């Protein structure tokens, strides 16, 4: 019930916090490489992204949230398995170059 009554404040605040922490990590090399600050900003980014997903998923049916979670897990698994493969002859570098140049 708290999410339904305060969803605008929570979604805007979490969006601003995640954007601020993302660009701070992206643009400031000294903060990105300093130990307690980089972990703190990464934690803040992950918590604010999780809060945004939580707020937005309260307005969508449970079946759609579950299907989105399954699709995300399948893409994560495919990318992880592709990056851990032992065969280095199969690569997608040329495919990416050709799609960028077109």
N, C-alpha and C. Protein backbone atom coordinates (compact mmCIF):
# COMPACT_ATOMS: atom_id res chain seq x y z
N UNK A 1 0.81 -1.19 0.00
CA UNK A 1 0.00 0.00 0.00
C UNK A 1 0.86 1.26 0.00
N UNK A 2 2.02 1.19 0.66
CA UNK A 2 2.91 2.35 0.69
C UNK A 2 3.40 2.70 -0.70
N UNK A 3 3.68 1.68 -1.53
CA UNK A 3 4.17 1.95 -2.88
C UNK A 3 3.10 2.61 -3.75
N UNK A 4 1.85 2.22 -3.57
CA UNK A 4 0.78 2.80 -4.38
C UNK A 4 0.49 4.25 -4.02
N UNK A 5 0.71 4.63 -2.78
CA UNK A 5 0.42 6.00 -2.39
C UNK A 5 1.60 6.95 -2.64
N UNK A 6 2.82 6.43 -2.62
CA UNK A 6 4.01 7.27 -2.77
C UNK A 6 4.84 6.89 -4.00
N UNK A 7 4.21 6.33 -5.04
CA UNK A 7 4.98 5.81 -6.16
C UNK A 7 5.68 6.91 -6.95
N UNK A 8 5.09 8.10 -7.05
CA UNK A 8 5.73 9.17 -7.81
C UNK A 8 7.00 9.64 -7.14
N UNK A 9 6.95 9.83 -5.84
CA UNK A 9 8.13 10.29 -5.10
C UNK A 9 9.23 9.23 -5.14
N UNK A 10 8.85 7.97 -4.92
CA UNK A 10 9.84 6.90 -4.91
C UNK A 10 10.47 6.68 -6.28
N UNK A 11 9.68 6.73 -7.33
CA UNK A 11 10.24 6.49 -8.66
C UNK A 11 11.13 7.63 -9.10
N UNK A 12 10.75 8.87 -8.84
CA UNK A 12 11.59 10.00 -9.21
C UNK A 12 12.87 10.03 -8.38
N UNK A 13 12.74 9.78 -7.08
CA UNK A 13 13.93 9.79 -6.21
C UNK A 13 14.89 8.66 -6.58
N UNK A 14 14.37 7.48 -6.85
CA UNK A 14 15.26 6.38 -7.23
C UNK A 14 15.88 6.61 -8.59
N UNK A 15 15.13 7.21 -9.51
CA UNK A 15 15.70 7.54 -10.83
C UNK A 15 16.83 8.55 -10.69
N UNK A 16 16.61 9.60 -9.89
CA UNK A 16 17.65 10.61 -9.72
C UNK A 16 18.88 10.05 -9.01
N UNK A 17 18.67 9.23 -7.99
CA UNK A 17 19.81 8.62 -7.29
C UNK A 17 20.59 7.68 -8.18
N UNK A 18 19.90 6.88 -8.98
CA UNK A 18 20.62 5.95 -9.86
C UNK A 18 21.36 6.70 -10.96
N UNK A 19 20.74 7.74 -11.50
CA UNK A 19 21.41 8.53 -12.53
C UNK A 19 22.62 9.27 -11.98
N UNK A 20 22.47 9.85 -10.80
CA UNK A 20 23.58 10.56 -10.18
C UNK A 20 24.73 9.62 -9.85
N UNK A 21 24.44 8.47 -9.28
CA UNK A 21 25.52 7.54 -8.95
C UNK A 21 26.15 6.95 -10.21
N UNK A 22 25.36 6.70 -11.25
CA UNK A 22 25.91 6.17 -12.50
C UNK A 22 26.87 7.16 -13.14
N UNK A 23 26.44 8.41 -13.28
CA UNK A 23 27.31 9.38 -13.93
C UNK A 23 28.51 9.76 -13.06
N UNK A 24 28.37 9.68 -11.75
CA UNK A 24 29.52 9.91 -10.88
C UNK A 24 30.57 8.83 -11.08
N UNK A 25 30.13 7.58 -11.16
CA UNK A 25 31.06 6.49 -11.42
C UNK A 25 31.63 6.55 -12.83
N UNK A 26 30.85 7.01 -13.76
CA UNK A 26 31.30 7.07 -15.15
C UNK A 26 32.30 8.19 -15.39
N UNK A 27 32.06 9.34 -14.82
CA UNK A 27 32.85 10.52 -15.16
C UNK A 27 34.01 10.80 -14.21
N UNK A 28 33.95 10.33 -12.99
CA UNK A 28 35.00 10.64 -12.02
C UNK A 28 35.89 9.43 -11.82
N UNK A 29 37.09 9.50 -12.39
CA UNK A 29 38.01 8.37 -12.30
C UNK A 29 38.54 8.20 -10.87
N UNK A 30 38.73 9.29 -10.15
CA UNK A 30 39.27 9.18 -8.79
C UNK A 30 38.26 8.51 -7.86
N UNK A 31 36.99 8.83 -8.00
CA UNK A 31 35.97 8.18 -7.16
C UNK A 31 35.77 6.73 -7.60
N UNK A 32 35.83 6.50 -8.91
CA UNK A 32 35.64 5.15 -9.42
C UNK A 32 36.72 4.19 -8.93
N UNK A 33 37.93 4.69 -8.70
CA UNK A 33 39.04 3.83 -8.28
C UNK A 33 39.32 3.87 -6.78
N UNK A 34 38.60 4.67 -6.02
CA UNK A 34 38.79 4.75 -4.58
C UNK A 34 37.86 3.74 -3.91
N UNK A 35 38.43 2.91 -3.01
CA UNK A 35 37.70 1.74 -2.50
C UNK A 35 36.38 2.02 -1.81
N UNK A 36 36.29 2.77 -0.75
CA UNK A 36 34.96 2.80 -0.11
C UNK A 36 33.91 3.54 -0.93
N UNK A 37 34.33 4.50 -1.74
CA UNK A 37 33.34 5.30 -2.49
C UNK A 37 32.76 4.53 -3.67
N UNK A 38 33.59 3.75 -4.36
CA UNK A 38 33.08 3.03 -5.53
C UNK A 38 32.08 1.94 -5.12
N UNK A 39 32.35 1.25 -4.03
CA UNK A 39 31.41 0.22 -3.58
C UNK A 39 30.12 0.87 -3.07
N UNK A 40 30.25 1.99 -2.38
CA UNK A 40 29.07 2.69 -1.89
C UNK A 40 28.18 3.20 -3.00
N UNK A 41 28.80 3.78 -4.05
CA UNK A 41 28.01 4.29 -5.18
C UNK A 41 27.39 3.15 -5.98
N UNK A 42 28.10 2.05 -6.12
CA UNK A 42 27.54 0.91 -6.82
C UNK A 42 26.38 0.30 -6.04
N UNK A 43 26.50 0.27 -4.72
CA UNK A 43 25.40 -0.20 -3.88
C UNK A 43 24.19 0.72 -3.98
N UNK A 44 24.44 2.03 -3.95
CA UNK A 44 23.35 3.00 -4.11
C UNK A 44 22.67 2.85 -5.46
N UNK A 45 23.45 2.63 -6.51
CA UNK A 45 22.88 2.44 -7.85
C UNK A 45 22.00 1.19 -7.89
N UNK A 46 22.49 0.08 -7.35
CA UNK A 46 21.72 -1.17 -7.38
C UNK A 46 20.46 -1.08 -6.54
N UNK A 47 20.53 -0.46 -5.38
CA UNK A 47 19.35 -0.32 -4.54
C UNK A 47 18.30 0.57 -5.20
N UNK A 48 18.73 1.66 -5.81
CA UNK A 48 17.77 2.55 -6.45
C UNK A 48 17.16 1.91 -7.70
N UNK A 49 17.94 1.14 -8.44
CA UNK A 49 17.37 0.42 -9.59
C UNK A 49 16.37 -0.64 -9.13
N UNK A 50 16.69 -1.34 -8.05
CA UNK A 50 15.76 -2.34 -7.51
C UNK A 50 14.47 -1.69 -7.03
N UNK A 51 14.59 -0.52 -6.43
CA UNK A 51 13.39 0.19 -5.97
C UNK A 51 12.54 0.63 -7.15
N UNK A 52 13.17 1.08 -8.22
CA UNK A 52 12.40 1.46 -9.41
C UNK A 52 11.67 0.27 -10.01
N UNK A 53 12.36 -0.87 -10.09
CA UNK A 53 11.71 -2.08 -10.61
C UNK A 53 10.56 -2.50 -9.71
N UNK A 54 10.76 -2.37 -8.41
CA UNK A 54 9.70 -2.72 -7.46
C UNK A 54 8.48 -1.82 -7.63
N UNK A 55 8.71 -0.53 -7.78
CA UNK A 55 7.60 0.41 -7.94
C UNK A 55 6.86 0.16 -9.24
N UNK A 56 7.59 -0.04 -10.33
CA UNK A 56 6.93 -0.23 -11.62
C UNK A 56 6.25 -1.60 -11.73
N UNK A 57 6.79 -2.61 -11.04
CA UNK A 57 6.17 -3.92 -11.15
C UNK A 57 4.90 -4.05 -10.32
N UNK A 58 4.65 -3.11 -9.42
CA UNK A 58 3.38 -3.15 -8.68
C UNK A 58 2.19 -2.79 -9.56
N UNK A 59 2.44 -2.13 -10.67
CA UNK A 59 1.36 -1.71 -11.56
C UNK A 59 1.14 -2.66 -12.72
N UNK A 60 1.92 -3.73 -12.79
CA UNK A 60 1.82 -4.69 -13.88
C UNK A 60 1.38 -6.02 -13.29
N UNK A 61 0.75 -6.85 -14.10
CA UNK A 61 0.28 -8.13 -13.60
C UNK A 61 1.46 -9.04 -13.21
N UNK A 62 1.19 -9.96 -12.34
CA UNK A 62 2.22 -10.86 -11.83
C UNK A 62 2.78 -11.74 -12.94
N UNK A 63 1.94 -12.14 -13.85
CA UNK A 63 2.38 -12.98 -14.96
C UNK A 63 3.40 -12.25 -15.84
N UNK A 64 3.16 -10.98 -16.10
CA UNK A 64 4.10 -10.21 -16.93
C UNK A 64 5.42 -10.00 -16.22
N UNK A 65 5.39 -9.76 -14.91
CA UNK A 65 6.63 -9.61 -14.15
C UNK A 65 7.42 -10.91 -14.16
N UNK A 66 6.72 -12.03 -13.99
CA UNK A 66 7.38 -13.32 -14.01
C UNK A 66 7.98 -13.63 -15.38
N UNK A 67 7.26 -13.35 -16.45
CA UNK A 67 7.78 -13.58 -17.80
C UNK A 67 8.99 -12.69 -18.09
N UNK A 68 8.94 -11.45 -17.64
CA UNK A 68 10.08 -10.56 -17.81
C UNK A 68 11.30 -11.05 -17.04
N UNK A 69 11.08 -11.60 -15.87
CA UNK A 69 12.18 -12.16 -15.08
C UNK A 69 12.79 -13.37 -15.77
N UNK A 70 11.95 -14.23 -16.31
CA UNK A 70 12.44 -15.41 -17.03
C UNK A 70 13.23 -15.00 -18.27
N UNK A 71 12.74 -14.03 -19.03
CA UNK A 71 13.46 -13.57 -20.22
C UNK A 71 14.81 -12.95 -19.84
N UNK A 72 14.82 -12.15 -18.79
CA UNK A 72 16.07 -11.55 -18.34
C UNK A 72 17.06 -12.62 -17.90
N UNK A 73 16.59 -13.64 -17.19
CA UNK A 73 17.48 -14.71 -16.77
C UNK A 73 18.02 -15.48 -17.96
N UNK A 74 17.21 -15.74 -18.98
CA UNK A 74 17.68 -16.47 -20.16
C UNK A 74 18.74 -15.68 -20.92
N UNK A 75 18.55 -14.37 -21.06
CA UNK A 75 19.56 -13.54 -21.73
C UNK A 75 20.83 -13.51 -20.91
N UNK A 76 20.72 -13.38 -19.59
CA UNK A 76 21.89 -13.40 -18.71
C UNK A 76 22.63 -14.72 -18.84
N UNK A 77 21.91 -15.83 -18.86
CA UNK A 77 22.54 -17.14 -18.97
C UNK A 77 23.23 -17.31 -20.33
N UNK A 78 22.60 -16.85 -21.40
CA UNK A 78 23.21 -16.97 -22.72
C UNK A 78 24.48 -16.14 -22.83
N UNK A 79 24.47 -14.92 -22.31
CA UNK A 79 25.67 -14.09 -22.37
C UNK A 79 26.77 -14.67 -21.50
N UNK A 80 26.42 -15.19 -20.33
CA UNK A 80 27.42 -15.79 -19.44
C UNK A 80 28.03 -17.03 -20.07
N UNK A 81 27.22 -17.90 -20.64
CA UNK A 81 27.75 -19.10 -21.29
C UNK A 81 28.60 -18.74 -22.51
N UNK A 82 28.19 -17.73 -23.25
CA UNK A 82 28.97 -17.31 -24.42
C UNK A 82 30.32 -16.75 -24.00
N UNK A 83 30.37 -16.01 -22.91
CA UNK A 83 31.63 -15.40 -22.50
C UNK A 83 32.57 -16.40 -21.84
N UNK A 84 32.07 -17.54 -21.37
CA UNK A 84 32.91 -18.55 -20.74
C UNK A 84 33.27 -19.71 -21.66
N UNK A 85 33.04 -19.57 -22.93
CA UNK A 85 33.32 -20.67 -23.84
C UNK A 85 34.81 -20.82 -24.07
N UNK A 86 35.24 -22.05 -24.32
CA UNK A 86 36.65 -22.34 -24.52
C UNK A 86 37.07 -22.17 -25.98
N UNK A 87 36.14 -22.23 -26.91
CA UNK A 87 36.45 -22.12 -28.33
C UNK A 87 36.58 -20.66 -28.71
N UNK A 88 37.79 -20.21 -28.98
CA UNK A 88 37.99 -18.80 -29.32
C UNK A 88 37.85 -18.54 -30.82
N UNK A 89 37.62 -19.59 -31.62
CA UNK A 89 37.45 -19.39 -33.06
C UNK A 89 36.08 -18.80 -33.39
N UNK A 90 35.12 -19.01 -32.52
CA UNK A 90 33.77 -18.49 -32.75
C UNK A 90 33.62 -17.18 -32.01
N UNK A 91 33.60 -16.09 -32.75
CA UNK A 91 33.46 -14.79 -32.13
C UNK A 91 32.51 -13.93 -32.94
N UNK A 92 31.98 -12.92 -32.32
CA UNK A 92 31.01 -12.04 -32.97
C UNK A 92 31.56 -10.64 -33.24
N UNK A 93 32.88 -10.50 -33.19
CA UNK A 93 33.47 -9.18 -33.39
C UNK A 93 33.19 -8.65 -34.79
N UNK A 94 33.33 -9.48 -35.80
CA UNK A 94 33.09 -9.03 -37.17
C UNK A 94 31.62 -8.69 -37.40
N UNK A 95 30.72 -9.40 -36.77
CA UNK A 95 29.29 -9.11 -36.90
C UNK A 95 28.98 -7.73 -36.32
N UNK A 96 29.58 -7.42 -35.20
CA UNK A 96 29.35 -6.12 -34.57
C UNK A 96 29.93 -5.00 -35.43
N UNK A 97 31.11 -5.22 -36.01
CA UNK A 97 31.73 -4.20 -36.88
C UNK A 97 30.86 -3.94 -38.10
N UNK A 98 30.34 -5.01 -38.71
CA UNK A 98 29.51 -4.84 -39.90
C UNK A 98 28.19 -4.16 -39.59
N UNK A 99 27.61 -4.40 -38.43
CA UNK A 99 26.34 -3.76 -38.10
C UNK A 99 26.53 -2.29 -37.72
N UNK A 100 27.68 -1.95 -37.16
CA UNK A 100 27.93 -0.54 -36.81
C UNK A 100 28.20 0.28 -38.05
N UNK A 101 28.92 -0.27 -39.02
CA UNK A 101 29.28 0.48 -40.22
C UNK A 101 28.11 0.67 -41.19
N UNK A 102 27.08 -0.11 -41.08
CA UNK A 102 25.95 0.02 -42.03
C UNK A 102 25.08 1.15 -41.73
